[in-house]
Amino acid sequence: PLFIRIVGSLKTTSTFKSRKVDLRNKAYGPGAPAPVYVLNGREEGYVPFYEAYPADVAAGKRPRG
């Protein structure tokens, strides 16, 4: 699964790489500080994360659109 989170800015390292650890620590889901989107397919694009998403992925289901 691919996730995206739209934020105003990202912290970077001294070599201008994004600080992915900070984003990973914020996690994803209903309590995430910014909306998270999940890839529903190449043609459908991204859909908002929903509570049952992890269970759907574990069951081999495609994300709801």
PDB file of N, CA and C in Angstrom:
ATOM      1  N   PRO A   1       0.833  -1.205   0.000  1.00  0.00           N
ATOM      2  CA  PRO A   1       0.000   0.000   0.000  1.00  0.00           C
ATOM      3  C   PRO A   1       0.868   1.256   0.000  1.00  0.00           C
ATOM      4  N   LEU A   2       0.409   2.243  -0.673  1.00  0.00           N
ATOM      5  CA  LEU A   2       1.104   3.523  -0.686  1.00  0.00           C
ATOM      6  C   LEU A   2       0.252   4.563   0.026  1.00  0.00           C
ATOM      7  N   PHE A   3       0.902   5.326   0.876  1.00  0.00           N
ATOM      8  CA  PHE A   3       0.218   6.350   1.656  1.00  0.00           C
ATOM      9  C   PHE A   3       0.770   7.718   1.286  1.00  0.00           C
ATOM     10  N   ILE A   4      -0.071   8.732   1.336  1.00  0.00           N
ATOM     11  CA  ILE A   4       0.418  10.095   1.219  1.00  0.00           C
ATOM     12  C   ILE A   4      -0.221  10.929   2.318  1.00  0.00           C
ATOM     13  N   ARG A   5       0.514  11.895   2.759  1.00  0.00           N
ATOM     14  CA  ARG A   5       0.017  12.846   3.754  1.00  0.00           C
ATOM     15  C   ARG A   5       0.401  14.227   3.243  1.00  0.00           C
ATOM     16  N   ILE A   6      -0.569  15.108   3.145  1.00  0.00           N
ATOM     17  CA  ILE A   6      -0.305  16.450   2.653  1.00  0.00           C
ATOM     18  C   ILE A   6      -0.022  17.342   3.857  1.00  0.00           C
ATOM     19  N   VAL A   7       1.173  17.920   3.859  1.00  0.00           N
ATOM     20  CA  VAL A   7       1.588  18.797   4.959  1.00  0.00           C
ATOM     21  C   VAL A   7       2.107  20.110   4.372  1.00  0.00           C
ATOM     22  N   GLY A   8       2.162  21.126   5.209  1.00  0.00           N
ATOM     23  CA  GLY A   8       2.628  22.434   4.757  1.00  0.00           C
ATOM     24  C   GLY A   8       4.109  22.465   4.452  1.00  0.00           C
ATOM     25  N   SER A   9       4.908  21.762   5.247  1.00  0.00           N
ATOM     26  CA  SER A   9       6.354  21.730   5.033  1.00  0.00           C
ATOM     27  C   SER A   9       6.928  20.489   5.704  1.00  0.00           C
ATOM     28  N   LEU A  10       8.132  20.123   5.296  1.00  0.00           N
ATOM     29  CA  LEU A  10       8.834  18.975   5.870  1.00  0.00           C
ATOM     30  C   LEU A  10      10.153  19.435   6.461  1.00  0.00           C
ATOM     31  N   LYS A  11      10.514  18.858   7.586  1.00  0.00           N
ATOM     32  CA  LYS A  11      11.839  19.110   8.137  1.00  0.00           C
ATOM     33  C   LYS A  11      12.844  18.335   7.292  1.00  0.00           C
ATOM     34  N   THR A  12      14.026  18.912   7.123  1.00  0.00           N
ATOM     35  CA  THR A  12      15.061  18.247   6.339  1.00  0.00           C
ATOM     36  C   THR A  12      16.349  18.135   7.139  1.00  0.00           C
ATOM     37  N   THR A  13      17.199  17.239   6.688  1.00  0.00           N
ATOM     38  CA  THR A  13      18.515  17.068   7.304  1.00  0.00           C
ATOM     39  C   THR A  13      19.466  18.118   6.728  1.00  0.00           C
ATOM     40  N   SER A  14      20.695  18.120   7.183  1.00  0.00           N
ATOM     41  CA  SER A  14      21.681  19.078   6.669  1.00  0.00           C
ATOM     42  C   SER A  14      22.020  18.830   5.199  1.00  0.00           C
ATOM     43  N   THR A  15      21.688  17.633   4.701  1.00  0.00           N
ATOM     44  CA  THR A  15      21.913  17.328   3.280  1.00  0.00           C
ATOM     45  C   THR A  15      20.602  17.379   2.484  1.00  0.00           C
ATOM     46  N   PHE A  16      19.598  18.036   3.044  1.00  0.00           N
ATOM     47  CA  PHE A  16      18.312  18.294   2.394  1.00  0.00           C
ATOM     48  C   PHE A  16      17.471  17.052   2.118  1.00  0.00           C
ATOM     49  N   LYS A  17      17.679  16.009   2.888  1.00  0.00           N
ATOM     50  CA  LYS A  17      16.814  14.829   2.798  1.00  0.00           C
ATOM     51  C   LYS A  17      15.657  15.031   3.770  1.00  0.00           C
ATOM     52  N   SER A  18      14.475  14.530   3.412  1.00  0.00           N
ATOM     53  CA  SER A  18      13.331  14.698   4.309  1.00  0.00           C
ATOM     54  C   SER A  18      13.469  13.792   5.528  1.00  0.00           C
ATOM     55  N   ARG A  19      12.973  14.272   6.660  1.00  0.00           N
ATOM     56  CA  ARG A  19      13.051  13.534   7.919  1.00  0.00           C
ATOM     57  C   ARG A  19      11.865  12.570   7.998  1.00  0.00           C
ATOM     58  N   LYS A  20      12.012  11.408   7.394  1.00  0.00           N
ATOM     59  CA  LYS A  20      10.931  10.426   7.344  1.00  0.00           C
ATOM     60  C   LYS A  20      10.612   9.833   8.706  1.00  0.00           C
ATOM     61  N   VAL A  21      11.580   9.803   9.601  1.00  0.00           N
ATOM     62  CA  VAL A  21      11.360   9.240  10.936  1.00  0.00           C
ATOM     63  C   VAL A  21      10.266  10.020  11.657  1.00  0.00           C
ATOM     64  N   ASP A  22      10.276  11.345  11.526  1.00  0.00           N
ATOM     65  CA  ASP A  22       9.249  12.165  12.167  1.00  0.00           C
ATOM     66  C   ASP A  22       7.860  11.808  11.640  1.00  0.00           C
ATOM     67  N   LEU A  23       7.737  11.630  10.325  1.00  0.00           N
ATOM     68  CA  LEU A  23       6.444  11.252   9.747  1.00  0.00           C
ATOM     69  C   LEU A  23       6.017   9.867  10.203  1.00  0.00           C
ATOM     70  N   ARG A  24       6.968   8.946  10.252  1.00  0.00           N
ATOM     71  CA  ARG A  24       6.653   7.582  10.678  1.00  0.00           C
ATOM     72  C   ARG A  24       6.178   7.571  12.130  1.00  0.00           C
ATOM     73  N   ASN A  25       6.772   8.379  12.971  1.00  0.00           N
ATOM     74  CA  ASN A  25       6.375   8.429  14.379  1.00  0.00           C
ATOM     75  C   ASN A  25       4.979   9.010  14.561  1.00  0.00           C
ATOM     76  N   LYS A  26       4.542   9.863  13.646  1.00  0.00           N
ATOM     77  CA  LYS A  26       3.190  10.419  13.716  1.00  0.00           C
ATOM     78  C   LYS A  26       2.151   9.380  13.311  1.00  0.00           C
ATOM     79  N   ALA A  27       2.578   8.355  12.621  1.00  0.00           N
ATOM     80  CA  ALA A  27       1.727   7.230  12.208  1.00  0.00           C
ATOM     81  C   ALA A  27       0.632   7.679  11.237  1.00  0.00           C
ATOM     82  N   TYR A  28      -0.371   6.841  11.103  1.00  0.00           N
ATOM     83  CA  TYR A  28      -1.496   7.144  10.233  1.00  0.00           C
ATOM     84  C   TYR A  28      -2.745   6.613  10.897  1.00  0.00           C
ATOM     85  N   GLY A  29      -3.882   7.007  10.397  1.00  0.00           N
ATOM     86  CA  GLY A  29      -5.139   6.539  10.943  1.00  0.00           C
ATOM     87  C   GLY A  29      -6.016   7.689  11.378  1.00  0.00           C
ATOM     88  N   PRO A  30      -7.102   7.370  12.054  1.00  0.00           N
ATOM     89  CA  PRO A  30      -8.061   8.401  12.439  1.00  0.00           C
ATOM     90  C   PRO A  30      -7.465   9.497  13.325  1.00  0.00           C
ATOM     91  N   GLY A  31      -6.470   9.176  14.143  1.00  0.00           N
ATOM     92  CA  GLY A  31      -5.888  10.165  15.040  1.00  0.00           C
ATOM     93  C   GLY A  31      -4.694  10.900  14.469  1.00  0.00           C
ATOM     94  N   ALA A  32      -4.366  10.678  13.211  1.00  0.00           N
ATOM     95  CA  ALA A  32      -3.193  11.318  12.600  1.00  0.00           C
ATOM     96  C   ALA A  32      -3.404  12.829  12.536  1.00  0.00           C
ATOM     97  N   PRO A  33      -2.321  13.603  12.699  1.00  0.00           N
ATOM     98  CA  PRO A  33      -2.453  15.058  12.720  1.00  0.00           C
ATOM     99  C   PRO A  33      -2.849  15.686  11.381  1.00  0.00           C
ATOM    100  N   ALA A  34      -2.600  15.016  10.274  1.00  0.00           N
ATOM    101  CA  ALA A  34      -2.980  15.519   8.947  1.00  0.00           C
ATOM    102  C   ALA A  34      -3.678  14.392   8.201  1.00  0.00           C
ATOM    103  N   PRO A  35      -4.566  14.711   7.270  1.00  0.00           N
ATOM    104  CA  PRO A  35      -5.253  13.650   6.528  1.00  0.00           C
ATOM    105  C   PRO A  35      -4.267  12.736   5.802  1.00  0.00           C
ATOM    106  N   VAL A  36      -4.581  11.452   5.798  1.00  0.00           N
ATOM    107  CA  VAL A  36      -3.759  10.456   5.115  1.00  0.00           C
ATOM    108  C   VAL A  36      -4.613   9.837   4.013  1.00  0.00           C
ATOM    109  N   TYR A  37      -3.994   9.617   2.857  1.00  0.00           N
ATOM    110  CA  TYR A  37      -4.687   9.017   1.722  1.00  0.00           C
ATOM    111  C   TYR A  37      -3.989   7.724   1.344  1.00  0.00           C
ATOM    112  N   VAL A  38      -4.766   6.748   0.851  1.00  0.00           N
ATOM    113  CA  VAL A  38      -4.222   5.451   0.454  1.00  0.00           C
ATOM    114  C   VAL A  38      -4.506   5.235  -1.030  1.00  0.00           C
ATOM    115  N   LEU A  39      -3.591   4.559  -1.707  1.00  0.00           N
ATOM    116  CA  LEU A  39      -3.747   4.319  -3.137  1.00  0.00           C
ATOM    117  C   LEU A  39      -4.800   3.248  -3.371  1.00  0.00           C
ATOM    118  N   ASN A  40      -5.792   3.589  -4.192  1.00  0.00           N
ATOM    119  CA  ASN A  40      -6.885   2.675  -4.497  1.00  0.00           C
ATOM    120  C   ASN A  40      -6.675   1.988  -5.840  1.00  0.00           C
ATOM    121  N   GLY A  41      -5.674   2.363  -6.570  1.00  0.00           N
ATOM    122  CA  GLY A  41      -5.394   1.797  -7.886  1.00  0.00           C
ATOM    123  C   GLY A  41      -4.906   2.891  -8.815  1.00  0.00           C
ATOM    124  N   ARG A  42      -4.276   2.493  -9.894  1.00  0.00           N
ATOM    125  CA  ARG A  42      -3.715   3.495 -10.816  1.00  0.00           C
ATOM    126  C   ARG A  42      -4.788   4.387 -11.419  1.00  0.00           C
ATOM    127  N   GLU A  43      -5.903   3.808 -11.771  1.00  0.00           N
ATOM    128  CA  GLU A  43      -6.958   4.596 -12.409  1.00  0.00           C
ATOM    129  C   GLU A  43      -7.791   5.371 -11.400  1.00  0.00           C
ATOM    130  N   GLU A  44      -8.007   4.801 -10.216  1.00  0.00           N
ATOM    131  CA  GLU A  44      -8.857   5.434  -9.215  1.00  0.00           C
ATOM    132  C   GLU A  44      -8.127   6.509  -8.423  1.00  0.00           C
ATOM    133  N   GLY A  45      -6.826   6.357  -8.253  1.00  0.00           N
ATOM    134  CA  GLY A  45      -6.057   7.331  -7.481  1.00  0.00           C
ATOM    135  C   GLY A  45      -6.148   7.080  -5.982  1.00  0.00           C
ATOM    136  N   TYR A  46      -5.991   8.129  -5.218  1.00  0.00           N
ATOM    137  CA  TYR A  46      -5.965   8.019  -3.759  1.00  0.00           C
ATOM    138  C   TYR A  46      -7.335   8.292  -3.162  1.00  0.00           C
ATOM    139  N   VAL A  47      -7.632   7.589  -2.075  1.00  0.00           N
ATOM    140  CA  VAL A  47      -8.870   7.788  -1.325  1.00  0.00           C
ATOM    141  C   VAL A  47      -8.495   8.071   0.126  1.00  0.00           C
ATOM    142  N   PRO A  48      -9.349   8.780   0.867  1.00  0.00           N
ATOM    143  CA  PRO A  48      -9.035   9.050   2.271  1.00  0.00           C
ATOM    144  C   PRO A  48      -8.925   7.752   3.077  1.00  0.00           C
ATOM    145  N   PHE A  49      -7.980   7.727   4.012  1.00  0.00           N
ATOM    146  CA  PHE A  49      -7.817   6.583   4.909  1.00  0.00           C
ATOM    147  C   PHE A  49      -9.110   6.403   5.693  1.00  0.00           C
ATOM    148  N   TYR A  50      -9.530   5.171   5.890  1.00  0.00           N
ATOM    149  CA  TYR A  50     -10.724   4.877   6.681  1.00  0.00           C
ATOM    150  C   TYR A  50     -10.365   3.820   7.714  1.00  0.00           C
ATOM    151  N   GLU A  51     -11.148   3.761   8.766  1.00  0.00           N
ATOM    152  CA  GLU A  51     -10.817   2.939   9.932  1.00  0.00           C
ATOM    153  C   GLU A  51     -10.618   1.459   9.617  1.00  0.00           C
ATOM    154  N   ALA A  52     -11.387   0.910   8.691  1.00  0.00           N
ATOM    155  CA  ALA A  52     -11.301  -0.522   8.382  1.00  0.00           C
ATOM    156  C   ALA A  52     -10.204  -0.842   7.366  1.00  0.00           C
ATOM    157  N   TYR A  53      -9.446   0.153   6.922  1.00  0.00           N
ATOM    158  CA  TYR A  53      -8.425  -0.063   5.895  1.00  0.00           C
ATOM    159  C   TYR A  53      -7.418  -1.154   6.265  1.00  0.00           C
ATOM    160  N   PRO A  54      -6.804  -1.128   7.462  1.00  0.00           N
ATOM    161  CA  PRO A  54      -5.835  -2.187   7.789  1.00  0.00           C
ATOM    162  C   PRO A  54      -6.440  -3.594   7.715  1.00  0.00           C
ATOM    163  N   ALA A  55      -7.671  -3.748   8.179  1.00  0.00           N
ATOM    164  CA  ALA A  55      -8.324  -5.061   8.126  1.00  0.00           C
ATOM    165  C   ALA A  55      -8.616  -5.461   6.680  1.00  0.00           C
ATOM    166  N   ASP A  56      -9.012  -4.499   5.858  1.00  0.00           N
ATOM    167  CA  ASP A  56      -9.269  -4.794   4.443  1.00  0.00           C
ATOM    168  C   ASP A  56      -7.998  -5.270   3.748  1.00  0.00           C
ATOM    169  N   VAL A  57      -6.873  -4.615   4.014  1.00  0.00           N
ATOM    170  CA  VAL A  57      -5.600  -5.016   3.406  1.00  0.00           C
ATOM    171  C   VAL A  57      -5.213  -6.414   3.875  1.00  0.00           C
ATOM    172  N   ALA A  58      -5.357  -6.676   5.172  1.00  0.00           N
ATOM    173  CA  ALA A  58      -5.014  -7.995   5.715  1.00  0.00           C
ATOM    174  C   ALA A  58      -5.882  -9.091   5.100  1.00  0.00           C
ATOM    175  N   ALA A  59      -7.125  -8.748   4.754  1.00  0.00           N
ATOM    176  CA  ALA A  59      -8.038  -9.724   4.154  1.00  0.00           C
ATOM    177  C   ALA A  59      -7.862  -9.821   2.639  1.00  0.00           C
ATOM    178  N   GLY A  60      -6.946  -9.041   2.076  1.00  0.00           N
ATOM    179  CA  GLY A  60      -6.710  -9.081   0.638  1.00  0.00           C
ATOM    180  C   GLY A  60      -7.723  -8.294  -0.166  1.00  0.00           C
ATOM    181  N   LYS A  61      -8.476  -7.420   0.500  1.00  0.00           N
ATOM    182  CA  LYS A  61      -9.479  -6.615  -0.203  1.00  0.00           C
ATOM    183  C   LYS A  61      -8.854  -5.333  -0.738  1.00  0.00           C
ATOM    184  N   ARG A  62      -9.458  -4.818  -1.760  1.00  0.00           N
ATOM    185  CA  ARG A  62      -9.030  -3.554  -2.350  1.00  0.00           C
ATOM    186  C   ARG A  62      -9.621  -2.401  -1.533  1.00  0.00           C
ATOM    187  N   PRO A  63      -8.899  -1.296  -1.388  1.00  0.00           N
ATOM    188  CA  PRO A  63      -9.447  -0.164  -0.626  1.00  0.00           C
ATOM    189  C   PRO A  63     -10.762   0.332  -1.210  1.00  0.00           C
ATOM    190  N   ARG A  64     -11.622   0.810  -0.334  1.00  0.00           N
ATOM    191  CA  ARG A  64     -12.905   1.375  -0.774  1.00  0.00           C
ATOM    192  C   ARG A  64     -12.664   2.716  -1.431  1.00  0.00           C
ATOM    193  N   GLY A  65     -13.454   3.021  -2.435  1.00  0.00           N
ATOM    194  CA  GLY A  65     -13.274   4.282  -3.146  1.00  0.00           C
ATOM    195  C   GLY A  65     -14.393   5.188  -3.078  1.00  0.00           C
TER     196      GLY A  65
END
